[in-house]
PDB file of N, CA and C in Angstrom:
ATOM      1  N   UNK A   1     131.675 103.373 101.981  1.00  0.00           N
ATOM      2  CA  UNK A   1     131.815 103.896 100.637  1.00  0.00           C
ATOM      3  C   UNK A   1     130.924 103.128  99.666  1.00  0.00           C
ATOM      4  N   UNK A   2     130.817 101.808  99.879  1.00  0.00           N
ATOM      5  CA  UNK A   2     129.992 100.987  99.015  1.00  0.00           C
ATOM      6  C   UNK A   2     128.514 101.374  99.165  1.00  0.00           C
ATOM      7  N   UNK A   3     128.114 101.653 100.373  1.00  0.00           N
ATOM      8  CA  UNK A   3     126.738 102.056 100.635  1.00  0.00           C
ATOM      9  C   UNK A   3     126.458 103.413  99.992  1.00  0.00           C
ATOM     10  N   UNK A   4     127.416 104.300 100.020  1.00  0.00           N
ATOM     11  CA  UNK A   4     127.260 105.617  99.409  1.00  0.00           C
ATOM     12  C   UNK A   4     127.074 105.484  97.900  1.00  0.00           C
ATOM     13  N   UNK A   5     127.851 104.606  97.251  1.00  0.00           N
ATOM     14  CA  UNK A   5     127.723 104.393  95.805  1.00  0.00           C
ATOM     15  C   UNK A   5     126.348 103.822  95.470  1.00  0.00           C
ATOM     16  N   UNK A   6     125.884 102.867  96.279  1.00  0.00           N
ATOM     17  CA  UNK A   6     124.573 102.277  96.033  1.00  0.00           C
ATOM     18  C   UNK A   6     123.483 103.339  96.198  1.00  0.00           C
ATOM     19  N   UNK A   7     123.644 104.178  97.186  1.00  0.00           N
ATOM     20  CA  UNK A   7     122.664 105.233  97.415  1.00  0.00           C
ATOM     21  C   UNK A   7     122.635 106.220  96.252  1.00  0.00           C
ATOM     22  N   UNK A   8     123.819 106.583  95.766  1.00  0.00           N
ATOM     23  CA  UNK A   8     123.887 107.508  94.634  1.00  0.00           C
ATOM     24  C   UNK A   8     123.274 106.888  93.378  1.00  0.00           C
ATOM     25  N   UNK A   9     123.547 105.599  93.159  1.00  0.00           N
ATOM     26  CA  UNK A   9     122.956 104.906  92.003  1.00  0.00           C
ATOM     27  C   UNK A   9     121.429 104.849  92.136  1.00  0.00           C
ATOM     28  N   UNK A  10     120.947 104.603  93.330  1.00  0.00           N
ATOM     29  CA  UNK A  10     119.504 104.550  93.553  1.00  0.00           C
ATOM     30  C   UNK A  10     118.866 105.915  93.295  1.00  0.00           C
ATOM     31  N   UNK A  11     119.506 106.954  93.744  1.00  0.00           N
ATOM     32  CA  UNK A  11     118.986 108.311  93.525  1.00  0.00           C
ATOM     33  C   UNK A  11     118.988 108.640  92.030  1.00  0.00           C
ATOM     34  N   UNK A  12     120.062 108.281  91.344  1.00  0.00           N
ATOM     35  CA  UNK A  12     120.154 108.536  89.911  1.00  0.00           C
ATOM     36  C   UNK A  12     119.071 107.765  89.144  1.00  0.00           C
ATOM     37  N   UNK A  13     118.832 106.533  89.534  1.00  0.00           N
ATOM     38  CA  UNK A  13     117.812 105.713  88.886  1.00  0.00           C
ATOM     39  C   UNK A  13     116.417 106.308  89.098  1.00  0.00           C
ATOM     40  N   UNK A  14     116.133 106.682  90.323  1.00  0.00           N
ATOM     41  CA  UNK A  14     114.829 107.273  90.630  1.00  0.00           C
ATOM     42  C   UNK A  14     114.645 108.590  89.875  1.00  0.00           C
ATOM     43  N   UNK A  15     115.675 109.394  89.834  1.00  0.00           N
ATOM     44  CA  UNK A  15     115.595 110.671  89.122  1.00  0.00           C
ATOM     45  C   UNK A  15     115.380 110.441  87.627  1.00  0.00           C
ATOM     46  N   UNK A  16     116.075 109.460  87.067  1.00  0.00           N
ATOM     47  CA  UNK A  16     115.918 109.160  85.638  1.00  0.00           C
ATOM     48  C   UNK A  16     114.524 108.677  85.299  1.00  0.00           C
ATOM     49  N   UNK A  17     114.002 107.751  86.091  1.00  0.00           N
ATOM     50  CA  UNK A  17     112.657 107.229  85.860  1.00  0.00           C
ATOM     51  C   UNK A  17     111.621 108.334  86.067  1.00  0.00           C
ATOM     52  N   UNK A  18     111.787 109.119  87.107  1.00  0.00           N
ATOM     53  CA  UNK A  18     110.856 110.220  87.367  1.00  0.00           C
ATOM     54  C   UNK A  18     110.880 111.247  86.255  1.00  0.00           C
ATOM     55  N   UNK A  19     112.064 111.558  85.764  1.00  0.00           N
ATOM     56  CA  UNK A  19     112.185 112.518  84.662  1.00  0.00           C
ATOM     57  C   UNK A  19     111.543 111.995  83.390  1.00  0.00           C
ATOM     58  N   UNK A  20     111.726 110.713  83.112  1.00  0.00           N
ATOM     59  CA  UNK A  20     111.121 110.114  81.925  1.00  0.00           C
ATOM     60  C   UNK A  20     109.595 110.145  82.023  1.00  0.00           C
ATOM     61  N   UNK A  21     109.082 109.844  83.186  1.00  0.00           N
ATOM     62  CA  UNK A  21     107.637 109.862  83.386  1.00  0.00           C
ATOM     63  C   UNK A  21     107.088 111.281  83.221  1.00  0.00           C
ATOM     64  N   UNK A  22     107.774 112.261  83.777  1.00  0.00           N
ATOM     65  CA  UNK A  22     107.323 113.657  83.674  1.00  0.00           C
ATOM     66  C   UNK A  22     107.336 114.123  82.225  1.00  0.00           C
ATOM     67  N   UNK A  23     108.349 113.736  81.476  1.00  0.00           N
ATOM     68  CA  UNK A  23     108.433 114.112  80.068  1.00  0.00           C
ATOM     69  C   UNK A  23     107.300 113.483  79.279  1.00  0.00           C
ATOM     70  N   UNK A  24     107.030 112.217  79.530  1.00  0.00           N
ATOM     71  CA  UNK A  24     105.956 111.525  78.825  1.00  0.00           C
ATOM     72  C   UNK A  24     104.611 112.171  79.144  1.00  0.00           C
ATOM     73  N   UNK A  25     104.385 112.503  80.383  1.00  0.00           N
ATOM     74  CA  UNK A  25     103.123 113.132  80.785  1.00  0.00           C
ATOM     75  C   UNK A  25     102.966 114.508  80.143  1.00  0.00           C
ATOM     76  N   UNK A  26     104.049 115.252  80.039  1.00  0.00           N
ATOM     77  CA  UNK A  26     103.994 116.592  79.452  1.00  0.00           C
ATOM     78  C   UNK A  26     103.683 116.546  77.959  1.00  0.00           C
ATOM     79  N   UNK A  27     104.100 115.478  77.288  1.00  0.00           N
ATOM     80  CA  UNK A  27     103.894 115.364  75.841  1.00  0.00           C
ATOM     81  C   UNK A  27     102.623 114.603  75.480  1.00  0.00           C
ATOM     82  N   UNK A  28     101.856 114.179  76.428  1.00  0.00           N
ATOM     83  CA  UNK A  28     100.619 113.440  76.148  1.00  0.00           C
ATOM     84  C   UNK A  28      99.616 114.358  75.454  1.00  0.00           C
ATOM     85  N   UNK A  29      98.791 113.763  74.597  1.00  0.00           N
ATOM     86  CA  UNK A  29      97.771 114.534  73.880  1.00  0.00           C
ATOM     87  C   UNK A  29      96.784 115.132  74.868  1.00  0.00           C
ATOM     88  N   UNK A  30      96.403 116.361  74.579  1.00  0.00           N
ATOM     89  CA  UNK A  30      95.447 117.053  75.430  1.00  0.00           C
ATOM     90  C   UNK A  30      94.181 117.319  74.619  1.00  0.00           C
ATOM     91  N   UNK A  31      93.032 117.209  75.231  1.00  0.00           N
ATOM     92  CA  UNK A  31      91.790 117.416  74.492  1.00  0.00           C
ATOM     93  C   UNK A  31      91.482 118.901  74.281  1.00  0.00           C
ATOM     94  N   UNK A  32      92.260 119.548  73.430  1.00  0.00           N
ATOM     95  CA  UNK A  32      92.068 120.974  73.201  1.00  0.00           C
ATOM     96  C   UNK A  32      91.247 121.249  71.948  1.00  0.00           C
ATOM     97  N   UNK A  33      91.152 120.292  71.044  1.00  0.00           N
ATOM     98  CA  UNK A  33      90.388 120.480  69.822  1.00  0.00           C
ATOM     99  C   UNK A  33      88.960 119.994  70.019  1.00  0.00           C
ATOM    100  N   UNK A  34      88.044 120.653  69.343  1.00  0.00           N
ATOM    101  CA  UNK A  34      86.659 120.222  69.347  1.00  0.00           C
ATOM    102  C   UNK A  34      86.396 119.497  68.035  1.00  0.00           C
ATOM    103  N   UNK A  35      85.756 118.343  68.124  1.00  0.00           N
ATOM    104  CA  UNK A  35      85.455 117.538  66.955  1.00  0.00           C
ATOM    105  C   UNK A  35      83.948 117.543  66.709  1.00  0.00           C
ATOM    106  N   UNK A  36      83.582 117.671  65.431  1.00  0.00           N
ATOM    107  CA  UNK A  36      82.190 117.764  65.025  1.00  0.00           C
ATOM    108  C   UNK A  36      81.868 116.713  63.961  1.00  0.00           C
ATOM    109  N   UNK A  37      80.575 116.390  63.836  1.00  0.00           N
ATOM    110  CA  UNK A  37      80.062 115.659  62.683  1.00  0.00           C
ATOM    111  C   UNK A  37      79.493 116.715  61.744  1.00  0.00           C
ATOM    112  N   UNK A  38      79.982 116.742  60.499  1.00  0.00           N
ATOM    113  CA  UNK A  38      79.678 117.799  59.547  1.00  0.00           C
ATOM    114  C   UNK A  38      78.732 117.328  58.458  1.00  0.00           C
ATOM    115  N   UNK A  39      77.882 118.246  57.983  1.00  0.00           N
ATOM    116  CA  UNK A  39      77.038 118.037  56.815  1.00  0.00           C
ATOM    117  C   UNK A  39      77.203 119.259  55.922  1.00  0.00           C
ATOM    118  N   UNK A  40      77.620 119.030  54.678  1.00  0.00           N
ATOM    119  CA  UNK A  40      77.844 120.164  53.776  1.00  0.00           C
ATOM    120  C   UNK A  40      76.571 120.496  53.001  1.00  0.00           C
ATOM    121  N   UNK A  41      76.523 121.722  52.509  1.00  0.00           N
ATOM    122  CA  UNK A  41      75.410 122.155  51.666  1.00  0.00           C
ATOM    123  C   UNK A  41      75.725 121.796  50.218  1.00  0.00           C
ATOM    124  N   UNK A  42      74.772 122.046  49.342  1.00  0.00           N
ATOM    125  CA  UNK A  42      74.961 121.724  47.924  1.00  0.00           C
ATOM    126  C   UNK A  42      75.949 122.662  47.238  1.00  0.00           C
ATOM    127  N   UNK A  43      76.285 123.792  47.868  1.00  0.00           N
ATOM    128  CA  UNK A  43      77.217 124.737  47.239  1.00  0.00           C
ATOM    129  C   UNK A  43      78.672 124.499  47.649  1.00  0.00           C
ATOM    130  N   UNK A  44      78.938 123.517  48.473  1.00  0.00           N
ATOM    131  CA  UNK A  44      80.329 123.238  48.873  1.00  0.00           C
ATOM    132  C   UNK A  44      81.134 122.874  47.627  1.00  0.00           C
ATOM    133  N   UNK A  45      82.288 123.531  47.406  1.00  0.00           N
ATOM    134  CA  UNK A  45      83.081 123.270  46.202  1.00  0.00           C
ATOM    135  C   UNK A  45      83.563 121.816  46.088  1.00  0.00           C
ATOM    136  N   UNK A  46      83.882 121.229  47.206  1.00  0.00           N
ATOM    137  CA  UNK A  46      84.331 119.837  47.216  1.00  0.00           C
ATOM    138  C   UNK A  46      83.398 119.056  48.137  1.00  0.00           C
ATOM    139  N   UNK A  47      82.992 117.886  47.719  1.00  0.00           N
ATOM    140  CA  UNK A  47      82.118 117.010  48.494  1.00  0.00           C
ATOM    141  C   UNK A  47      80.809 117.690  48.887  1.00  0.00           C
ATOM    142  N   UNK A  48      80.061 118.239  47.899  1.00  0.00           N
ATOM    143  CA  UNK A  48      78.781 118.880  48.228  1.00  0.00           C
ATOM    144  C   UNK A  48      77.754 117.856  48.725  1.00  0.00           C
ATOM    145  N   UNK A  49      76.853 118.319  49.576  1.00  0.00           N
ATOM    146  CA  UNK A  49      75.771 117.489  50.122  1.00  0.00           C
ATOM    147  C   UNK A  49      76.280 116.159  50.661  1.00  0.00           C
ATOM    148  N   UNK A  50      77.335 116.220  51.449  1.00  0.00           N
ATOM    149  CA  UNK A  50      77.919 114.999  52.017  1.00  0.00           C
ATOM    150  C   UNK A  50      78.223 115.206  53.497  1.00  0.00           C
ATOM    151  N   UNK A  51      78.728 114.165  54.135  1.00  0.00           N
ATOM    152  CA  UNK A  51      79.031 114.239  55.561  1.00  0.00           C
ATOM    153  C   UNK A  51      80.505 113.963  55.806  1.00  0.00           C
ATOM    154  N   UNK A  52      80.971 114.455  56.932  1.00  0.00           N
ATOM    155  CA  UNK A  52      82.330 114.210  57.429  1.00  0.00           C
ATOM    156  C   UNK A  52      82.207 114.080  58.934  1.00  0.00           C
ATOM    157  N   UNK A  53      82.569 112.939  59.460  1.00  0.00           N
ATOM    158  CA  UNK A  53      82.411 112.687  60.896  1.00  0.00           C
ATOM    159  C   UNK A  53      83.704 112.884  61.669  1.00  0.00           C
ATOM    160  N   UNK A  54      83.557 113.359  62.899  1.00  0.00           N
ATOM    161  CA  UNK A  54      84.651 113.470  63.862  1.00  0.00           C
ATOM    162  C   UNK A  54      85.827 114.255  63.306  1.00  0.00           C
ATOM    163  N   UNK A  55      85.557 115.487  62.886  1.00  0.00           N
ATOM    164  CA  UNK A  55      86.591 116.336  62.285  1.00  0.00           C
ATOM    165  C   UNK A  55      86.544 117.732  62.909  1.00  0.00           C
ATOM    166  N   UNK A  56      87.693 118.373  62.943  1.00  0.00           N
ATOM    167  CA  UNK A  56      87.795 119.738  63.449  1.00  0.00           C
ATOM    168  C   UNK A  56      87.299 120.719  62.382  1.00  0.00           C
ATOM    169  N   UNK A  57      87.195 121.982  62.746  1.00  0.00           N
ATOM    170  CA  UNK A  57      86.784 123.017  61.802  1.00  0.00           C
ATOM    171  C   UNK A  57      87.771 123.078  60.637  1.00  0.00           C
ATOM    172  N   UNK A  58      89.052 123.065  60.931  1.00  0.00           N
ATOM    173  CA  UNK A  58      90.078 123.153  59.882  1.00  0.00           C
ATOM    174  C   UNK A  58      89.994 121.956  58.943  1.00  0.00           C
ATOM    175  N   UNK A  59      89.814 120.763  59.496  1.00  0.00           N
ATOM    176  CA  UNK A  59      89.687 119.570  58.656  1.00  0.00           C
ATOM    177  C   UNK A  59      88.458 119.661  57.758  1.00  0.00           C
ATOM    178  N   UNK A  60      87.356 120.169  58.302  1.00  0.00           N
ATOM    179  CA  UNK A  60      86.135 120.313  57.502  1.00  0.00           C
ATOM    180  C   UNK A  60      86.319 121.356  56.396  1.00  0.00           C
ATOM    181  N   UNK A  61      86.978 122.461  56.706  1.00  0.00           N
ATOM    182  CA  UNK A  61      87.243 123.470  55.677  1.00  0.00           C
ATOM    183  C   UNK A  61      88.038 122.865  54.531  1.00  0.00           C
ATOM    184  N   UNK A  62      89.056 122.089  54.846  1.00  0.00           N
ATOM    185  CA  UNK A  62      89.861 121.430  53.817  1.00  0.00           C
ATOM    186  C   UNK A  62      89.033 120.411  53.033  1.00  0.00           C
ATOM    187  N   UNK A  63      88.234 119.615  53.726  1.00  0.00           N
ATOM    188  CA  UNK A  63      87.461 118.544  53.091  1.00  0.00           C
ATOM    189  C   UNK A  63      86.399 119.096  52.140  1.00  0.00           C
ATOM    190  N   UNK A  64      85.709 120.158  52.557  1.00  0.00           N
ATOM    191  CA  UNK A  64      84.629 120.711  51.751  1.00  0.00           C
ATOM    192  C   UNK A  64      85.082 121.843  50.837  1.00  0.00           C
ATOM    193  N   UNK A  65      86.325 122.295  50.973  1.00  0.00           N
ATOM    194  CA  UNK A  65      86.847 123.369  50.131  1.00  0.00           C
ATOM    195  C   UNK A  65      86.278 124.733  50.465  1.00  0.00           C
ATOM    196  N   UNK A  66      85.889 124.926  51.705  1.00  0.00           N
ATOM    197  CA  UNK A  66      85.263 126.185  52.130  1.00  0.00           C
ATOM    198  C   UNK A  66      86.307 127.157  52.665  1.00  0.00           C
ATOM    199  N   UNK A  67      86.050 128.432  52.402  1.00  0.00           N
ATOM    200  CA  UNK A  67      86.849 129.501  53.001  1.00  0.00           C
ATOM    201  C   UNK A  67      85.871 130.442  53.685  1.00  0.00           C
ATOM    202  N   UNK A  68      86.372 131.391  54.403  1.00  0.00           N
ATOM    203  CA  UNK A  68      85.470 132.313  55.101  1.00  0.00           C
ATOM    204  C   UNK A  68      84.674 133.121  54.089  1.00  0.00           C
ATOM    205  N   UNK A  69      83.443 133.380  54.449  1.00  0.00           N
ATOM    206  CA  UNK A  69      82.566 134.142  53.568  1.00  0.00           C
ATOM    207  C   UNK A  69      81.200 134.308  54.194  1.00  0.00           C
ATOM    208  N   UNK A  70      80.195 134.533  53.362  1.00  0.00           N
ATOM    209  CA  UNK A  70      78.862 134.814  53.888  1.00  0.00           C
ATOM    210  C   UNK A  70      77.866 133.679  53.678  1.00  0.00           C
ATOM    211  N   UNK A  71      78.131 132.750  52.767  1.00  0.00           N
ATOM    212  CA  UNK A  71      77.190 131.671  52.502  1.00  0.00           C
ATOM    213  C   UNK A  71      77.524 130.429  53.329  1.00  0.00           C
ATOM    214  N   UNK A  72      76.477 129.773  53.833  1.00  0.00           N
ATOM    215  CA  UNK A  72      76.656 128.572  54.630  1.00  0.00           C
ATOM    216  C   UNK A  72      77.210 127.450  53.753  1.00  0.00           C
ATOM    217  N   UNK A  73      78.325 126.884  54.154  1.00  0.00           N
ATOM    218  CA  UNK A  73      78.968 125.809  53.397  1.00  0.00           C
ATOM    219  C   UNK A  73      78.777 124.460  54.084  1.00  0.00           C
ATOM    220  N   UNK A  74      78.890 124.418  55.413  1.00  0.00           N
ATOM    221  CA  UNK A  74      78.704 123.173  56.165  1.00  0.00           C
ATOM    222  C   UNK A  74      78.362 123.495  57.615  1.00  0.00           C
ATOM    223  N   UNK A  75      77.593 122.601  58.200  1.00  0.00           N
ATOM    224  CA  UNK A  75      77.199 122.740  59.603  1.00  0.00           C
ATOM    225  C   UNK A  75      77.745 121.553  60.381  1.00  0.00           C
ATOM    226  N   UNK A  76      78.210 121.823  61.604  1.00  0.00           N
ATOM    227  CA  UNK A  76      78.758 120.766  62.446  1.00  0.00           C
ATOM    228  C   UNK A  76      78.035 120.662  63.776  1.00  0.00           C
ATOM    229  N   UNK A  77      77.909 119.442  64.266  1.00  0.00           N
ATOM    230  CA  UNK A  77      77.347 119.164  65.582  1.00  0.00           C
ATOM    231  C   UNK A  77      78.455 118.538  66.420  1.00  0.00           C
ATOM    232  N   UNK A  78      78.715 119.116  67.594  1.00  0.00           N
ATOM    233  CA  UNK A  78      79.845 118.693  68.434  1.00  0.00           C
ATOM    234  C   UNK A  78      79.743 117.224  68.835  1.00  0.00           C
ATOM    235  N   UNK A  79      80.878 116.542  68.727  1.00  0.00           N
ATOM    236  CA  UNK A  79      81.011 115.160  69.191  1.00  0.00           C
ATOM    237  C   UNK A  79      81.875 115.073  70.442  1.00  0.00           C
ATOM    238  N   UNK A  80      82.932 115.900  70.484  1.00  0.00           N
ATOM    239  CA  UNK A  80      83.805 115.897  71.661  1.00  0.00           C
ATOM    240  C   UNK A  80      84.625 117.182  71.689  1.00  0.00           C
ATOM    241  N   UNK A  81      85.125 117.511  72.875  1.00  0.00           N
ATOM    242  CA  UNK A  81      85.977 118.680  73.031  1.00  0.00           C
ATOM    243  C   UNK A  81      85.281 119.818  73.749  1.00  0.00           C
ATOM    244  N   UNK A  82      86.027 120.886  73.991  1.00  0.00           N
ATOM    245  CA  UNK A  82      85.537 121.977  74.825  1.00  0.00           C
ATOM    246  C   UNK A  82      84.745 123.059  74.099  1.00  0.00           C
ATOM    247  N   UNK A  83      84.597 122.972  72.797  1.00  0.00           N
ATOM    248  CA  UNK A  83      84.022 124.078  72.042  1.00  0.00           C
ATOM    249  C   UNK A  83      82.509 124.155  72.055  1.00  0.00           C
ATOM    250  N   UNK A  84      82.015 125.005  71.182  1.00  0.00           N
ATOM    251  CA  UNK A  84      80.588 125.267  71.023  1.00  0.00           C
ATOM    252  C   UNK A  84      79.841 123.994  70.600  1.00  0.00           C
ATOM    253  N   UNK A  85      78.559 123.868  70.961  1.00  0.00           N
ATOM    254  CA  UNK A  85      77.795 122.675  70.587  1.00  0.00           C
ATOM    255  C   UNK A  85      77.551 122.545  69.079  1.00  0.00           C
ATOM    256  N   UNK A  86      77.588 123.674  68.361  1.00  0.00           N
ATOM    257  CA  UNK A  86      77.451 123.644  66.905  1.00  0.00           C
ATOM    258  C   UNK A  86      78.505 124.560  66.284  1.00  0.00           C
ATOM    259  N   UNK A  87      78.766 124.334  64.998  1.00  0.00           N
ATOM    260  CA  UNK A  87      79.717 125.182  64.272  1.00  0.00           C
ATOM    261  C   UNK A  87      79.279 125.287  62.831  1.00  0.00           C
ATOM    262  N   UNK A  88      79.654 126.372  62.188  1.00  0.00           N
ATOM    263  CA  UNK A  88      79.383 126.570  60.775  1.00  0.00           C
ATOM    264  C   UNK A  88      80.649 127.030  60.079  1.00  0.00           C
ATOM    265  N   UNK A  89      80.828 126.554  58.868  1.00  0.00           N
ATOM    266  CA  UNK A  89      81.889 127.101  58.025  1.00  0.00           C
ATOM    267  C   UNK A  89      81.206 127.717  56.802  1.00  0.00           C
ATOM    268  N   UNK A  90      81.800 128.754  56.300  1.00  0.00           N
ATOM    269  CA  UNK A  90      81.155 129.564  55.277  1.00  0.00           C
ATOM    270  C   UNK A  90      81.994 129.599  54.002  1.00  0.00           C
ATOM    271  N   UNK A  91      81.355 130.040  52.943  1.00  0.00           N
ATOM    272  CA  UNK A  91      81.964 130.081  51.617  1.00  0.00           C
ATOM    273  C   UNK A  91      81.749 131.458  51.014  1.00  0.00           C
ATOM    274  N   UNK A  92      82.777 131.962  50.318  1.00  0.00           N
ATOM    275  CA  UNK A  92      82.647 133.243  49.602  1.00  0.00           C
ATOM    276  C   UNK A  92      81.722 133.088  48.427  1.00  0.00           C
TER     277      UNK A  92
END
């Protein structure tokens, strides 16, 4: 009976540690975003003719105050991630 209890405790311990490891691995950051080095044009509403390094498209839109449109607001060159080698954000 004592051996059975030790075995059950060992199984419970292994299951707990394994479950914790699996949870941690599942929640680890994944490289799904593409990061660019950005240069804005002179017409950018915020931070015109400036740079922003290692930022996503959304971060650059917020930083330069750009929304979708037809005029070039900022150009990005990929630094890391799975996306396109270059990106542009535009301004109305």
